[in-house]
Amino acid sequence: MALAVSRDAQIAALYEKLQHRSAILAGLTPGTPSHTGIQAECDAIHAEIRRLQTTTSVSPKAVLIGIAVILLIVWSAVH
């Protein structure tokens, strides 16, 4: 079973990547192709961070607890 990367870990990694790209962007001349490319990448990273922040997620632990509760209810109804 593969371990899923938590949403918070993804956001933290994206913030780190955005900080690195922003430092590169600060040293470039505006209007150059490299500046435009890095700016577009920063915008895309920021959009992904915003998307992740607005999504809700259910932890695998909560899913397992829910399944266990349903199984207990079914088991008690059968007996």
C-alpha atoms as a PDB file:
ATOM      1  CA  MET A   1       0.000   0.000   0.000  1.00  0.00           C
ATOM      2  CA  ALA A   2       1.534   3.276  -1.083  1.00  0.00           C
ATOM      3  CA  LEU A   3       1.622   6.084   1.434  1.00  0.00           C
ATOM      4  CA  ALA A   4      -0.154   9.226   0.287  1.00  0.00           C
ATOM      5  CA  VAL A   5       1.545  12.564   0.781  1.00  0.00           C
ATOM      6  CA  SER A   6      -0.587  14.744   3.000  1.00  0.00           C
ATOM      7  CA  ARG A   7      -2.091  17.922   1.636  1.00  0.00           C
ATOM      8  CA  ASP A   8      -0.145  19.982   4.173  1.00  0.00           C
ATOM      9  CA  ALA A   9       3.128  18.388   3.052  1.00  0.00           C
ATOM     10  CA  GLN A  10       2.287  19.137  -0.575  1.00  0.00           C
ATOM     11  CA  ILE A  11       1.519  22.767   0.274  1.00  0.00           C
ATOM     12  CA  ALA A  12       4.762  23.106   2.244  1.00  0.00           C
ATOM     13  CA  ALA A  13       6.772  21.668  -0.659  1.00  0.00           C
ATOM     14  CA  LEU A  14       5.081  24.037  -3.086  1.00  0.00           C
ATOM     15  CA  TYR A  15       5.792  27.038  -0.830  1.00  0.00           C
ATOM     16  CA  GLU A  16       9.457  26.021  -0.732  1.00  0.00           C
ATOM     17  CA  LYS A  17       9.531  25.689  -4.512  1.00  0.00           C
ATOM     18  CA  LEU A  18       7.792  29.064  -4.889  1.00  0.00           C
ATOM     19  CA  GLN A  19      10.322  30.719  -2.581  1.00  0.00           C
ATOM     20  CA  HIS A  20      13.198  29.284  -4.616  1.00  0.00           C
ATOM     21  CA  ARG A  21      11.670  30.403  -7.935  1.00  0.00           C
ATOM     22  CA  SER A  22      10.936  33.867  -6.503  1.00  0.00           C
ATOM     23  CA  ALA A  23      14.588  34.270  -5.502  1.00  0.00           C
ATOM     24  CA  ILE A  24      15.607  33.405  -9.067  1.00  0.00           C
ATOM     25  CA  LEU A  25      12.987  35.780 -10.456  1.00  0.00           C
ATOM     26  CA  ALA A  26      14.337  38.672  -8.382  1.00  0.00           C
ATOM     27  CA  GLY A  27      17.678  38.429 -10.156  1.00  0.00           C
ATOM     28  CA  LEU A  28      16.272  38.462 -13.691  1.00  0.00           C
ATOM     29  CA  THR A  29      15.587  41.437 -15.928  1.00  0.00           C
ATOM     30  CA  PRO A  30      11.847  42.002 -16.441  1.00  0.00           C
ATOM     31  CA  GLY A  31      10.668  41.382 -19.990  1.00  0.00           C
ATOM     32  CA  THR A  32      13.280  38.766 -20.831  1.00  0.00           C
ATOM     33  CA  PRO A  33      12.097  35.301 -21.885  1.00  0.00           C
ATOM     34  CA  SER A  34      13.612  33.704 -18.778  1.00  0.00           C
ATOM     35  CA  HIS A  35      11.848  36.246 -16.521  1.00  0.00           C
ATOM     36  CA  THR A  36       8.539  35.588 -18.278  1.00  0.00           C
ATOM     37  CA  GLY A  37       9.000  31.810 -17.964  1.00  0.00           C
ATOM     38  CA  ILE A  38       9.871  31.888 -14.275  1.00  0.00           C
ATOM     39  CA  GLN A  39       6.983  34.321 -13.620  1.00  0.00           C
ATOM     40  CA  ALA A  40       4.578  31.921 -15.334  1.00  0.00           C
ATOM     41  CA  GLU A  41       5.954  29.054 -13.258  1.00  0.00           C
ATOM     42  CA  CYS A  42       5.519  31.079 -10.046  1.00  0.00           C
ATOM     43  CA  ASP A  43       1.944  31.874 -11.031  1.00  0.00           C
ATOM     44  CA  ALA A  44       1.232  28.190 -11.690  1.00  0.00           C
ATOM     45  CA  ILE A  45       2.738  27.154  -8.343  1.00  0.00           C
ATOM     46  CA  HIS A  46       0.700  29.805  -6.549  1.00  0.00           C
ATOM     47  CA  ALA A  47      -2.481  28.618  -8.287  1.00  0.00           C
ATOM     48  CA  GLU A  48      -1.765  25.031  -7.214  1.00  0.00           C
ATOM     49  CA  ILE A  49      -1.219  26.157  -3.608  1.00  0.00           C
ATOM     50  CA  ARG A  50      -4.558  27.995  -3.663  1.00  0.00           C
ATOM     51  CA  ARG A  51      -6.293  24.931  -5.145  1.00  0.00           C
ATOM     52  CA  LEU A  52      -4.876  22.662  -2.445  1.00  0.00           C
ATOM     53  CA  GLN A  53      -5.822  25.115   0.297  1.00  0.00           C
ATOM     54  CA  THR A  54      -9.443  25.203  -0.841  1.00  0.00           C
ATOM     55  CA  THR A  55      -9.874  21.444  -1.131  1.00  0.00           C
ATOM     56  CA  THR A  56     -11.003  19.342   1.760  1.00  0.00           C
ATOM     57  CA  SER A  57      -9.613  15.923   2.380  1.00  0.00           C
ATOM     58  CA  VAL A  58     -10.479  12.974   4.544  1.00  0.00           C
ATOM     59  CA  SER A  59      -7.638  11.247   6.296  1.00  0.00           C
ATOM     60  CA  PRO A  60      -7.223   7.499   5.751  1.00  0.00           C
ATOM     61  CA  LYS A  61      -7.494   7.032   9.521  1.00  0.00           C
ATOM     62  CA  ALA A  62     -10.957   8.645   9.513  1.00  0.00           C
ATOM     63  CA  VAL A  63     -12.048   6.352   6.681  1.00  0.00           C
ATOM     64  CA  LEU A  64     -10.914   3.271   8.600  1.00  0.00           C
ATOM     65  CA  ILE A  65     -12.714   4.415  11.738  1.00  0.00           C
ATOM     66  CA  GLY A  66     -15.882   5.000   9.701  1.00  0.00           C
ATOM     67  CA  ILE A  67     -15.688   1.526   8.184  1.00  0.00           C
ATOM     68  CA  ALA A  68     -15.134   0.000  11.626  1.00  0.00           C
ATOM     69  CA  VAL A  69     -18.192   1.792  13.019  1.00  0.00           C
ATOM     70  CA  ILE A  70     -20.344   0.624  10.103  1.00  0.00           C
ATOM     71  CA  LEU A  71     -19.132  -2.946  10.571  1.00  0.00           C
ATOM     72  CA  LEU A  72     -19.956  -2.813  14.291  1.00  0.00           C
ATOM     73  CA  ILE A  73     -23.463  -1.541  13.519  1.00  0.00           C
ATOM     74  CA  VAL A  74     -24.018  -4.294  10.942  1.00  0.00           C
ATOM     75  CA  TRP A  75     -22.593  -6.925  13.277  1.00  0.00           C
ATOM     76  CA  SER A  76     -24.828  -5.814  16.172  1.00  0.00           C
ATOM     77  CA  ALA A  77     -27.890  -5.786  13.903  1.00  0.00           C
ATOM     78  CA  VAL A  78     -27.198  -9.352  12.771  1.00  0.00           C
ATOM     79  CA  HIS A  79     -26.762 -10.724  16.276  1.00  0.00           C
END
